[in-house]
Amino acid sequence: MERRRFFKTALLGTLSGATFLQGNVLATVKGNLPVMAAEGEPADLAAVMGGTPIQMYKKAIEAMGGIGRFVKKGQKVTVKPNIAWDKNPEMAANTNPELVAALIKDCLAAGASSVTVFDHTCDEWEACYEHSGIKKAVEEAGGVMAFAHDEKYFRTVKLPNAKNLKEAKIHEAILDADVWINVPILKHHGGAKMSVSMKNFMGIVWDRGQFHANNLQQCIADIQTLDKKPALNIVDAYRIMTQNGPKGKSLDDVQQGGALFMSTDIVAADTASIKFFNQFKKVDLANVSHVALAEQAGVGTGDLTKLKVSRIKL
């Protein structure tokens, strides 16, 4: 399919229907479609297509009301990308480093006293930090990489509203932050079916084994009941891994998504992202059951018609 036509079809299909462009942001539509955020009015969900990671980030954060809506002067900020795998950016196993750098610079420009970045990696942590390109990007942007390879960096937190996962050891960078921002990459996952914002929480805990031993889907939903929730979820869909996730085997597993999703509502962010993923490879949202389970727990909504949405085509 011709590239421009594909972008338009994919984005409109993602958010449940066609409408018309008015400038960069789609005009207001009511009824069974999402309510489009009026120009100048902060969106609940921003969906951007067609640019570089930095371009799409800038348009999305503008649509969401600007970084100052989420980060105040003097605050300690933690950014949590996916850095789990010893893979380069082209493999789409980890969050795009350019996106991470753009976010850090924005937080510091808003007056953040510090920006800390970490992940409890699956592959050897130094190789993941280095080969993902994220360590270099973070340091050049003025952020600080934190360690997460030792249990001493994690503290036990009770989860009274969870069903299976009643407690978890959470990284100190999350617990001690004034604000934390969740920045996953959109990709296939063999166990969880999809890896997006909620699945990215498995990198803030020490013992991932307890998730796999106690119903993975339910535990991913349970960790969303953590009191310290992300102020913002930014889904990197610039490149997406459509098969053999979460690590990938070759570039044959990767497609150019050319998109970014941003929302304060983690259920909405994952719902919109997975619907977009369906433009490349079909996945039944019902099989990604942690999304519905989190919604049932009151974490957010998967009904995009309830939200003010900005759709932006670059």
C-alpha atoms as a PDB file:
ATOM      1  CA  MET A   1       0.000   0.000   0.000  1.00  0.00           C
ATOM      2  CA  GLU A   2       1.302   3.500  -0.826  1.00  0.00           C
ATOM      3  CA  ARG A   3       2.968   4.974   2.282  1.00  0.00           C
ATOM      4  CA  ARG A   4       0.878   8.129   2.775  1.00  0.00           C
ATOM      5  CA  ARG A   5      -2.373   6.233   2.262  1.00  0.00           C
ATOM      6  CA  PHE A   6      -1.263   3.544   4.710  1.00  0.00           C
ATOM      7  CA  PHE A   7      -0.473   6.098   7.427  1.00  0.00           C
ATOM      8  CA  LYS A   8      -3.886   7.699   7.068  1.00  0.00           C
ATOM      9  CA  THR A   9      -5.731   4.369   7.058  1.00  0.00           C
ATOM     10  CA  ALA A  10      -3.767   2.985  10.008  1.00  0.00           C
ATOM     11  CA  LEU A  11      -4.263   6.025  12.199  1.00  0.00           C
ATOM     12  CA  LEU A  12      -7.939   6.389  11.492  1.00  0.00           C
ATOM     13  CA  GLY A  13      -8.504   2.685  12.040  1.00  0.00           C
ATOM     14  CA  THR A  14      -6.621   2.793  15.319  1.00  0.00           C
ATOM     15  CA  LEU A  15      -8.947   5.313  16.875  1.00  0.00           C
ATOM     16  CA  SER A  16     -12.237   3.892  15.641  1.00  0.00           C
ATOM     17  CA  GLY A  17     -13.333   5.737  12.565  1.00  0.00           C
ATOM     18  CA  ALA A  18     -12.670   8.316   9.886  1.00  0.00           C
ATOM     19  CA  THR A  19     -12.950  12.056  10.231  1.00  0.00           C
ATOM     20  CA  PHE A  20     -11.367  15.041   8.588  1.00  0.00           C
ATOM     21  CA  LEU A  21      -8.148  16.990   9.123  1.00  0.00           C
ATOM     22  CA  GLN A  22      -8.177  20.549  10.353  1.00  0.00           C
ATOM     23  CA  GLY A  23      -4.596  21.776  10.373  1.00  0.00           C
ATOM     24  CA  ASN A  24      -2.499  19.102  12.053  1.00  0.00           C
ATOM     25  CA  VAL A  25      -5.144  17.985  14.553  1.00  0.00           C
ATOM     26  CA  LEU A  26      -8.311  16.198  13.568  1.00  0.00           C
ATOM     27  CA  ALA A  27     -11.538  18.110  14.125  1.00  0.00           C
ATOM     28  CA  THR A  28     -14.084  17.309  16.822  1.00  0.00           C
ATOM     29  CA  VAL A  29     -16.208  14.203  16.265  1.00  0.00           C
ATOM     30  CA  LYS A  30     -18.907  12.971  18.629  1.00  0.00           C
ATOM     31  CA  GLY A  31     -21.196   9.948  18.793  1.00  0.00           C
ATOM     32  CA  ASN A  32     -19.411   6.605  18.659  1.00  0.00           C
ATOM     33  CA  LEU A  33     -16.019   8.169  17.922  1.00  0.00           C
ATOM     34  CA  PRO A  34     -13.479   9.688  20.282  1.00  0.00           C
ATOM     35  CA  VAL A  35     -14.047  13.371  21.082  1.00  0.00           C
ATOM     36  CA  MET A  36     -11.229  15.272  19.406  1.00  0.00           C
ATOM     37  CA  ALA A  37      -9.429  17.703  21.670  1.00  0.00           C
ATOM     38  CA  ALA A  38     -10.054  21.285  20.581  1.00  0.00           C
ATOM     39  CA  GLU A  39      -7.001  23.273  19.576  1.00  0.00           C
ATOM     40  CA  GLY A  40      -5.292  24.542  22.718  1.00  0.00           C
ATOM     41  CA  GLU A  41      -7.184  22.123  24.954  1.00  0.00           C
ATOM     42  CA  PRO A  42      -4.998  19.390  26.520  1.00  0.00           C
ATOM     43  CA  ALA A  43      -5.736  15.938  25.147  1.00  0.00           C
ATOM     44  CA  ASP A  44      -6.191  12.761  27.167  1.00  0.00           C
ATOM     45  CA  LEU A  45      -4.550  10.792  24.359  1.00  0.00           C
ATOM     46  CA  ALA A  46      -2.319  11.950  21.535  1.00  0.00           C
ATOM     47  CA  ALA A  47      -1.601   9.767  18.492  1.00  0.00           C
ATOM     48  CA  VAL A  48       1.043  11.032  16.084  1.00  0.00           C
ATOM     49  CA  MET A  49       2.224   9.513  12.814  1.00  0.00           C
ATOM     50  CA  GLY A  50       4.732  10.153  10.093  1.00  0.00           C
ATOM     51  CA  GLY A  51       7.716  11.853  11.698  1.00  0.00           C
ATOM     52  CA  THR A  52      10.954  11.093  13.471  1.00  0.00           C
ATOM     53  CA  PRO A  53      10.806  10.072  17.143  1.00  0.00           C
ATOM     54  CA  ILE A  54      11.761  13.627  18.180  1.00  0.00           C
ATOM     55  CA  GLN A  55       9.243  15.292  15.860  1.00  0.00           C
ATOM     56  CA  MET A  56       6.434  13.026  17.016  1.00  0.00           C
ATOM     57  CA  TYR A  57       7.314  13.522  20.673  1.00  0.00           C
ATOM     58  CA  LYS A  58       7.226  17.313  20.309  1.00  0.00           C
ATOM     59  CA  LYS A  59       3.821  17.274  18.620  1.00  0.00           C
ATOM     60  CA  ALA A  60       2.379  14.818  21.147  1.00  0.00           C
ATOM     61  CA  ILE A  61       3.585  16.643  24.253  1.00  0.00           C
ATOM     62  CA  GLU A  62       2.261  19.895  22.814  1.00  0.00           C
ATOM     63  CA  ALA A  63      -1.131  18.255  22.308  1.00  0.00           C
ATOM     64  CA  MET A  64      -1.031  16.964  25.894  1.00  0.00           C
ATOM     65  CA  GLY A  65      -0.550  20.474  27.273  1.00  0.00           C
ATOM     66  CA  GLY A  66       3.239  20.646  27.361  1.00  0.00           C
ATOM     67  CA  ILE A  67       5.788  19.036  29.648  1.00  0.00           C
ATOM     68  CA  GLY A  68       5.084  21.698  32.287  1.00  0.00           C
ATOM     69  CA  ARG A  69       1.731  20.026  32.896  1.00  0.00           C
ATOM     70  CA  PHE A  70       3.617  17.026  34.283  1.00  0.00           C
ATOM     71  CA  VAL A  71       7.021  18.260  35.481  1.00  0.00           C
ATOM     72  CA  LYS A  72       7.466  21.224  37.826  1.00  0.00           C
ATOM     73  CA  LYS A  73      10.577  23.177  38.746  1.00  0.00           C
ATOM     74  CA  GLY A  74      12.817  21.413  41.246  1.00  0.00           C
ATOM     75  CA  GLN A  75      11.219  17.979  40.878  1.00  0.00           C
ATOM     76  CA  LYS A  76      13.155  14.740  40.626  1.00  0.00           C
ATOM     77  CA  VAL A  77      12.044  12.887  37.517  1.00  0.00           C
ATOM     78  CA  THR A  78      12.511   9.226  36.642  1.00  0.00           C
ATOM     79  CA  VAL A  79      12.128   8.028  33.068  1.00  0.00           C
ATOM     80  CA  LYS A  80      11.560   4.293  32.574  1.00  0.00           C
ATOM     81  CA  PRO A  81      12.193   3.094  29.008  1.00  0.00           C
ATOM     82  CA  ASN A  82      12.462  -0.522  27.919  1.00  0.00           C
ATOM     83  CA  ILE A  83      16.213  -1.323  27.954  1.00  0.00           C
ATOM     84  CA  ALA A  84      15.793  -5.030  28.685  1.00  0.00           C
ATOM     85  CA  TRP A  85      17.735  -6.501  25.781  1.00  0.00           C
ATOM     86  CA  ASP A  86      21.264  -6.442  24.382  1.00  0.00           C
ATOM     87  CA  LYS A  87      20.064  -5.203  20.991  1.00  0.00           C
ATOM     88  CA  ASN A  88      20.716  -2.151  18.856  1.00  0.00           C
ATOM     89  CA  PRO A  89      17.877   0.330  18.133  1.00  0.00           C
ATOM     90  CA  GLU A  90      17.142  -1.115  14.681  1.00  0.00           C
ATOM     91  CA  MET A  91      15.919  -4.357  16.295  1.00  0.00           C
ATOM     92  CA  ALA A  92      13.040  -2.560  18.080  1.00  0.00           C
ATOM     93  CA  ALA A  93      13.582  -4.566  21.266  1.00  0.00           C
ATOM     94  CA  ASN A  94      14.197  -1.427  23.340  1.00  0.00           C
ATOM     95  CA  THR A  95      12.802   2.100  23.408  1.00  0.00           C
ATOM     96  CA  ASN A  96      14.218   4.454  20.789  1.00  0.00           C
ATOM     97  CA  PRO A  97      17.131   6.427  22.324  1.00  0.00           C
ATOM     98  CA  GLU A  98      16.285   9.601  20.413  1.00  0.00           C
ATOM     99  CA  LEU A  99      12.855   9.656  22.045  1.00  0.00           C
ATOM    100  CA  VAL A 100      14.352   9.152  25.503  1.00  0.00           C
ATOM    101  CA  ALA A 101      16.831  11.991  24.937  1.00  0.00           C
ATOM    102  CA  ALA A 102      14.110  14.376  23.735  1.00  0.00           C
ATOM    103  CA  LEU A 103      12.047  13.685  26.839  1.00  0.00           C
ATOM    104  CA  ILE A 104      15.012  14.221  29.182  1.00  0.00           C
ATOM    105  CA  LYS A 105      15.879  17.551  27.572  1.00  0.00           C
ATOM    106  CA  ASP A 106      12.266  18.653  27.890  1.00  0.00           C
ATOM    107  CA  CYS A 107      12.105  17.699  31.579  1.00  0.00           C
ATOM    108  CA  LEU A 108      15.302  19.593  32.334  1.00  0.00           C
ATOM    109  CA  ALA A 109      14.072  22.616  30.369  1.00  0.00           C
ATOM    110  CA  ALA A 110      10.925  22.531  32.536  1.00  0.00           C
ATOM    111  CA  GLY A 111      13.137  22.869  35.605  1.00  0.00           C
ATOM    112  CA  ALA A 112      13.531  19.277  36.773  1.00  0.00           C
ATOM    113  CA  SER A 113      16.338  19.051  39.329  1.00  0.00           C
ATOM    114  CA  SER A 114      17.408  15.683  37.897  1.00  0.00           C
ATOM    115  CA  VAL A 115      16.304  13.035  35.427  1.00  0.00           C
ATOM    116  CA  THR A 116      17.143   9.420  36.269  1.00  0.00           C
ATOM    117  CA  VAL A 117      16.809   6.567  33.775  1.00  0.00           C
ATOM    118  CA  PHE A 118      16.937   2.827  34.488  1.00  0.00           C
ATOM    119  CA  ASP A 119      15.610  -0.623  33.664  1.00  0.00           C
ATOM    120  CA  HIS A 120      15.961  -3.980  35.394  1.00  0.00           C
ATOM    121  CA  THR A 121      17.281  -5.672  32.281  1.00  0.00           C
ATOM    122  CA  CYS A 122      16.859  -9.259  31.129  1.00  0.00           C
ATOM    123  CA  ASP A 123      20.193  -9.496  29.299  1.00  0.00           C
ATOM    124  CA  GLU A 124      23.439  -8.374  30.959  1.00  0.00           C
ATOM    125  CA  TRP A 125      22.754  -4.845  32.127  1.00  0.00           C
ATOM    126  CA  GLU A 126      25.915  -3.071  30.949  1.00  0.00           C
ATOM    127  CA  ALA A 127      25.538  -4.477  27.430  1.00  0.00           C
ATOM    128  CA  CYS A 128      21.856  -3.491  27.352  1.00  0.00           C
ATOM    129  CA  TYR A 129      22.541   0.059  28.496  1.00  0.00           C
ATOM    130  CA  GLU A 130      25.367   0.434  25.994  1.00  0.00           C
ATOM    131  CA  HIS A 131      24.139  -1.348  22.850  1.00  0.00           C
ATOM    132  CA  SER A 132      20.584   0.010  23.060  1.00  0.00           C
ATOM    133  CA  GLY A 133      22.094   3.463  22.567  1.00  0.00           C
ATOM    134  CA  ILE A 134      20.168   4.677  25.600  1.00  0.00           C
ATOM    135  CA  LYS A 135      23.093   5.207  27.977  1.00  0.00           C
ATOM    136  CA  LYS A 136      24.848   7.512  25.527  1.00  0.00           C
ATOM    137  CA  ALA A 137      21.622   9.340  24.669  1.00  0.00           C
ATOM    138  CA  VAL A 138      20.745   9.847  28.336  1.00  0.00           C
ATOM    139  CA  GLU A 139      24.139  11.161  29.335  1.00  0.00           C
ATOM    140  CA  GLU A 140      24.390  13.509  26.356  1.00  0.00           C
ATOM    141  CA  ALA A 141      20.922  14.861  27.175  1.00  0.00           C
ATOM    142  CA  GLY A 142      21.902  15.584  30.783  1.00  0.00           C
ATOM    143  CA  GLY A 143      20.248  12.619  32.486  1.00  0.00           C
ATOM    144  CA  VAL A 144      21.745   9.987  34.780  1.00  0.00           C
ATOM    145  CA  MET A 145      21.654   6.211  34.314  1.00  0.00           C
ATOM    146  CA  ALA A 146      20.793   4.294  37.503  1.00  0.00           C
ATOM    147  CA  PHE A 147      21.780   0.752  38.439  1.00  0.00           C
ATOM    148  CA  ALA A 148      19.105  -1.928  38.701  1.00  0.00           C
ATOM    149  CA  HIS A 149      21.115  -5.163  38.640  1.00  0.00           C
ATOM    150  CA  ASP A 150      21.188  -5.666  42.418  1.00  0.00           C
ATOM    151  CA  GLU A 151      18.335  -6.320  44.860  1.00  0.00           C
ATOM    152  CA  LYS A 152      19.626  -3.579  47.169  1.00  0.00           C
ATOM    153  CA  TYR A 153      18.161  -0.984  44.816  1.00  0.00           C
ATOM    154  CA  PHE A 154      14.618  -2.292  45.389  1.00  0.00           C
ATOM    155  CA  ARG A 155      12.177  -1.884  48.319  1.00  0.00           C
ATOM    156  CA  THR A 156       9.118  -3.967  49.201  1.00  0.00           C
ATOM    157  CA  VAL A 157       5.767  -2.295  48.557  1.00  0.00           C
ATOM    158  CA  LYS A 158       2.355  -3.703  49.478  1.00  0.00           C
ATOM    159  CA  LEU A 159      -0.333  -3.917  46.789  1.00  0.00           C
ATOM    160  CA  PRO A 160      -3.580  -4.158  48.808  1.00  0.00           C
ATOM    161  CA  ASN A 161      -5.855  -3.819  45.778  1.00  0.00           C
ATOM    162  CA  ALA A 162      -4.139  -6.566  43.786  1.00  0.00           C
ATOM    163  CA  LYS A 163      -5.597 -10.037  43.299  1.00  0.00           C
ATOM    164  CA  ASN A 164      -2.513 -12.246  42.951  1.00  0.00           C
ATOM    165  CA  LEU A 165       0.509 -10.002  43.381  1.00  0.00           C
ATOM    166  CA  LYS A 166       0.089  -8.716  46.934  1.00  0.00           C
ATOM    167  CA  GLU A 167       3.523  -7.135  47.161  1.00  0.00           C
ATOM    168  CA  ALA A 168       6.530  -6.422  44.984  1.00  0.00           C
ATOM    169  CA  LYS A 169      10.028  -5.040  45.322  1.00  0.00           C
ATOM    170  CA  ILE A 170      10.038  -1.725  43.423  1.00  0.00           C
ATOM    171  CA  HIS A 171      13.125   0.168  42.273  1.00  0.00           C
ATOM    172  CA  GLU A 172      14.090   3.118  44.454  1.00  0.00           C
ATOM    173  CA  ALA A 173      14.219   5.450  41.441  1.00  0.00           C
ATOM    174  CA  ILE A 174      10.451   5.053  41.110  1.00  0.00           C
ATOM    175  CA  LEU A 175       9.678   5.300  44.815  1.00  0.00           C
ATOM    176  CA  ASP A 176      11.912   8.337  45.410  1.00  0.00           C
ATOM    177  CA  ALA A 177      10.906  10.299  42.315  1.00  0.00           C
ATOM    178  CA  ASP A 178       8.529  13.228  42.423  1.00  0.00           C
ATOM    179  CA  VAL A 179       7.374  12.263  38.931  1.00  0.00           C
ATOM    180  CA  TRP A 180       8.004   9.228  36.783  1.00  0.00           C
ATOM    181  CA  ILE A 181       7.308   8.784  33.095  1.00  0.00           C
ATOM    182  CA  ASN A 182       6.754   5.403  31.446  1.00  0.00           C
ATOM    183  CA  VAL A 183       8.310   5.094  27.955  1.00  0.00           C
ATOM    184  CA  PRO A 184       7.845   1.594  26.502  1.00  0.00           C
ATOM    185  CA  ILE A 185       8.261   0.345  22.970  1.00  0.00           C
ATOM    186  CA  LEU A 186       5.341  -1.346  21.218  1.00  0.00           C
ATOM    187  CA  LYS A 187       6.146  -4.964  20.358  1.00  0.00           C
ATOM    188  CA  HIS A 188       5.040  -8.570  20.270  1.00  0.00           C
ATOM    189  CA  HIS A 189       5.584 -10.663  23.395  1.00  0.00           C
ATOM    190  CA  GLY A 190       5.402 -14.437  23.462  1.00  0.00           C
ATOM    191  CA  GLY A 191       4.125 -14.689  27.043  1.00  0.00           C
ATOM    192  CA  ALA A 192       2.102 -11.530  27.596  1.00  0.00           C
ATOM    193  CA  LYS A 193       1.069 -11.451  23.885  1.00  0.00           C
ATOM    194  CA  MET A 194       1.924  -7.738  23.681  1.00  0.00           C
ATOM    195  CA  SER A 195       4.486  -5.556  25.425  1.00  0.00           C
ATOM    196  CA  VAL A 196       3.430  -1.943  25.860  1.00  0.00           C
ATOM    197  CA  SER A 197       3.038   0.438  28.829  1.00  0.00           C
ATOM    198  CA  MET A 198       1.737  -2.021  31.422  1.00  0.00           C
ATOM    199  CA  LYS A 199       4.213  -4.744  30.548  1.00  0.00           C
ATOM    200  CA  ASN A 200       7.008  -2.173  30.938  1.00  0.00           C
ATOM    201  CA  PHE A 201       6.276  -2.192  34.703  1.00  0.00           C
ATOM    202  CA  MET A 202       8.058  -5.541  34.907  1.00  0.00           C
ATOM    203  CA  GLY A 203      11.286  -3.569  34.593  1.00  0.00           C
ATOM    204  CA  ILE A 204      10.588  -1.619  37.803  1.00  0.00           C
ATOM    205  CA  VAL A 205      10.358  -4.797  39.939  1.00  0.00           C
ATOM    206  CA  TRP A 206      13.104  -7.081  41.211  1.00  0.00           C
ATOM    207  CA  ASP A 207      11.429 -10.509  41.028  1.00  0.00           C
ATOM    208  CA  ARG A 208       9.851 -11.060  37.619  1.00  0.00           C
ATOM    209  CA  GLY A 209       9.576 -14.770  38.403  1.00  0.00           C
ATOM    210  CA  GLN A 210       6.652 -14.165  40.724  1.00  0.00           C
ATOM    211  CA  PHE A 211       4.715 -12.738  37.764  1.00  0.00           C
ATOM    212  CA  HIS A 212       5.238 -15.861  35.670  1.00  0.00           C
ATOM    213  CA  ALA A 213       4.461 -18.159  38.591  1.00  0.00           C
ATOM    214  CA  ASN A 214       1.174 -16.479  39.570  1.00  0.00           C
ATOM    215  CA  ASN A 215      -0.707 -15.836  36.300  1.00  0.00           C
ATOM    216  CA  LEU A 216       1.333 -13.406  34.207  1.00  0.00           C
ATOM    217  CA  GLN A 217      -1.622 -11.474  32.814  1.00  0.00           C
ATOM    218  CA  GLN A 218      -3.203 -10.934  36.231  1.00  0.00           C
ATOM    219  CA  CYS A 219       0.105  -9.914  37.801  1.00  0.00           C
ATOM    220  CA  ILE A 220       0.753  -7.340  35.075  1.00  0.00           C
ATOM    221  CA  ALA A 221      -2.675  -5.903  35.886  1.00  0.00           C
ATOM    222  CA  ASP A 222      -1.963  -6.110  39.626  1.00  0.00           C
ATOM    223  CA  ILE A 223       1.237  -4.069  39.456  1.00  0.00           C
ATOM    224  CA  GLN A 224      -0.808  -1.262  37.877  1.00  0.00           C
ATOM    225  CA  THR A 225      -2.509  -0.790  41.266  1.00  0.00           C
ATOM    226  CA  LEU A 226       0.777   0.571  42.638  1.00  0.00           C
ATOM    227  CA  ASP A 227       0.033   3.932  44.263  1.00  0.00           C
ATOM    228  CA  LYS A 228       3.021   5.583  42.543  1.00  0.00           C
ATOM    229  CA  LYS A 229       1.638   5.726  39.012  1.00  0.00           C
ATOM    230  CA  PRO A 230       3.363   7.278  35.994  1.00  0.00           C
ATOM    231  CA  ALA A 231       2.358  10.836  35.253  1.00  0.00           C
ATOM    232  CA  LEU A 232       2.544  10.049  31.556  1.00  0.00           C
ATOM    233  CA  ASN A 233       2.846   7.028  29.263  1.00  0.00           C
ATOM    234  CA  ILE A 234       4.699   7.518  25.965  1.00  0.00           C
ATOM    235  CA  VAL A 235       4.576   4.552  23.584  1.00  0.00           C
ATOM    236  CA  ASP A 236       7.370   4.363  21.030  1.00  0.00           C
ATOM    237  CA  ALA A 237       5.992   2.871  17.821  1.00  0.00           C
ATOM    238  CA  TYR A 238       8.596   4.308  15.463  1.00  0.00           C
ATOM    239  CA  ARG A 239       9.812   0.775  14.845  1.00  0.00           C
ATOM    240  CA  ILE A 240       7.755  -2.179  16.030  1.00  0.00           C
ATOM    241  CA  MET A 241       8.645  -5.823  16.542  1.00  0.00           C
ATOM    242  CA  THR A 242       5.758  -7.807  15.087  1.00  0.00           C
ATOM    243  CA  GLN A 243       6.982 -11.329  15.902  1.00  0.00           C
ATOM    244  CA  ASN A 244       9.488 -13.269  18.015  1.00  0.00           C
ATOM    245  CA  GLY A 245       9.163 -10.768  20.842  1.00  0.00           C
ATOM    246  CA  PRO A 246      10.198  -9.603  23.269  1.00  0.00           C
ATOM    247  CA  LYS A 247      13.810  -9.995  22.114  1.00  0.00           C
ATOM    248  CA  GLY A 248      13.516 -10.656  18.387  1.00  0.00           C
ATOM    249  CA  LYS A 249      15.694 -12.776  16.129  1.00  0.00           C
ATOM    250  CA  SER A 250      16.405 -10.671  13.054  1.00  0.00           C
ATOM    251  CA  LEU A 251      15.376  -7.545  11.193  1.00  0.00           C
ATOM    252  CA  ASP A 252      12.645  -9.635   9.552  1.00  0.00           C
ATOM    253  CA  ASP A 253      10.782  -9.250  12.862  1.00  0.00           C
ATOM    254  CA  VAL A 254      10.739  -5.449  12.592  1.00  0.00           C
ATOM    255  CA  GLN A 255       8.474  -3.080  10.668  1.00  0.00           C
ATOM    256  CA  GLN A 256       8.503   0.691  10.404  1.00  0.00           C
ATOM    257  CA  GLY A 257       5.550   1.859  12.484  1.00  0.00           C
ATOM    258  CA  GLY A 258       6.243   5.574  12.300  1.00  0.00           C
ATOM    259  CA  ALA A 259       3.946   6.389  15.208  1.00  0.00           C
ATOM    260  CA  LEU A 260       3.848   7.519  18.834  1.00  0.00           C
ATOM    261  CA  PHE A 261       1.078   7.352  21.422  1.00  0.00           C
ATOM    262  CA  MET A 262       0.948   9.448  24.584  1.00  0.00           C
ATOM    263  CA  SER A 263      -1.588   9.421  27.407  1.00  0.00           C
ATOM    264  CA  THR A 264      -2.079   9.940  31.106  1.00  0.00           C
ATOM    265  CA  ASP A 265      -4.339   6.865  30.988  1.00  0.00           C
ATOM    266  CA  ILE A 266      -2.251   3.680  30.747  1.00  0.00           C
ATOM    267  CA  VAL A 267      -5.192   1.493  29.687  1.00  0.00           C
ATOM    268  CA  ALA A 268      -6.072   3.894  26.892  1.00  0.00           C
ATOM    269  CA  ALA A 269      -2.441   4.135  25.783  1.00  0.00           C
ATOM    270  CA  ASP A 270      -2.146   0.367  25.491  1.00  0.00           C
ATOM    271  CA  THR A 271      -5.562  -0.053  23.866  1.00  0.00           C
ATOM    272  CA  ALA A 272      -4.793   2.502  21.140  1.00  0.00           C
ATOM    273  CA  SER A 273      -1.298   1.089  20.622  1.00  0.00           C
ATOM    274  CA  ILE A 274      -2.490  -2.502  20.250  1.00  0.00           C
ATOM    275  CA  LYS A 275      -5.188  -1.435  17.788  1.00  0.00           C
ATOM    276  CA  PHE A 276      -2.466   0.274  15.793  1.00  0.00           C
ATOM    277  CA  PHE A 277      -0.303  -2.857  15.962  1.00  0.00           C
ATOM    278  CA  ASN A 278      -3.188  -4.708  14.288  1.00  0.00           C
ATOM    279  CA  GLN A 279      -2.496  -2.759  11.119  1.00  0.00           C
ATOM    280  CA  PHE A 280       0.714  -4.791  10.830  1.00  0.00           C
ATOM    281  CA  LYS A 281      -0.117  -8.095  12.489  1.00  0.00           C
ATOM    282  CA  LYS A 282      -3.417  -9.249  13.940  1.00  0.00           C
ATOM    283  CA  VAL A 283      -3.624  -9.697  17.682  1.00  0.00           C
ATOM    284  CA  ASP A 284      -6.859 -10.212  19.584  1.00  0.00           C
ATOM    285  CA  LEU A 285      -7.060  -7.594  22.319  1.00  0.00           C
ATOM    286  CA  ALA A 286      -8.966 -10.128  24.426  1.00  0.00           C
ATOM    287  CA  ASN A 287      -5.838 -12.301  24.494  1.00  0.00           C
ATOM    288  CA  VAL A 288      -3.870  -9.405  25.957  1.00  0.00           C
ATOM    289  CA  SER A 289      -6.059  -9.829  29.007  1.00  0.00           C
ATOM    290  CA  HIS A 290      -3.983  -7.699  31.385  1.00  0.00           C
ATOM    291  CA  VAL A 291      -5.436  -4.645  29.615  1.00  0.00           C
ATOM    292  CA  ALA A 292      -9.029  -5.566  30.470  1.00  0.00           C
ATOM    293  CA  LEU A 293      -8.025  -6.765  33.945  1.00  0.00           C
ATOM    294  CA  ALA A 294      -6.393  -3.413  34.676  1.00  0.00           C
ATOM    295  CA  GLU A 295      -9.498  -1.621  33.461  1.00  0.00           C
ATOM    296  CA  GLN A 296     -11.614  -3.787  35.774  1.00  0.00           C
ATOM    297  CA  ALA A 297      -9.311  -2.762  38.630  1.00  0.00           C
ATOM    298  CA  GLY A 298     -10.133   0.882  37.907  1.00  0.00           C
ATOM    299  CA  VAL A 299      -6.713   1.804  36.548  1.00  0.00           C
ATOM    300  CA  GLY A 300      -8.004   3.423  33.351  1.00  0.00           C
ATOM    301  CA  THR A 301     -10.362   3.029  30.417  1.00  0.00           C
ATOM    302  CA  GLY A 302     -10.149   1.159  27.134  1.00  0.00           C
ATOM    303  CA  ASP A 303     -13.157   3.065  25.799  1.00  0.00           C
ATOM    304  CA  LEU A 304     -11.471   5.692  23.655  1.00  0.00           C
ATOM    305  CA  THR A 305     -14.806   7.428  23.019  1.00  0.00           C
ATOM    306  CA  LYS A 306     -14.650   8.705  26.596  1.00  0.00           C
ATOM    307  CA  LEU A 307     -11.414  10.589  25.966  1.00  0.00           C
ATOM    308  CA  LYS A 308     -10.337  13.801  24.308  1.00  0.00           C
ATOM    309  CA  VAL A 309      -8.054  12.577  21.535  1.00  0.00           C
ATOM    310  CA  SER A 310      -5.622  14.456  19.301  1.00  0.00           C
ATOM    311  CA  ARG A 311      -4.632  12.659  16.108  1.00  0.00           C
ATOM    312  CA  ILE A 312      -1.736  14.297  14.344  1.00  0.00           C
ATOM    313  CA  LYS A 313      -0.294  13.448  10.933  1.00  0.00           C
ATOM    314  CA  LEU A 314       3.121  14.910  10.108  1.00  0.00           C
END
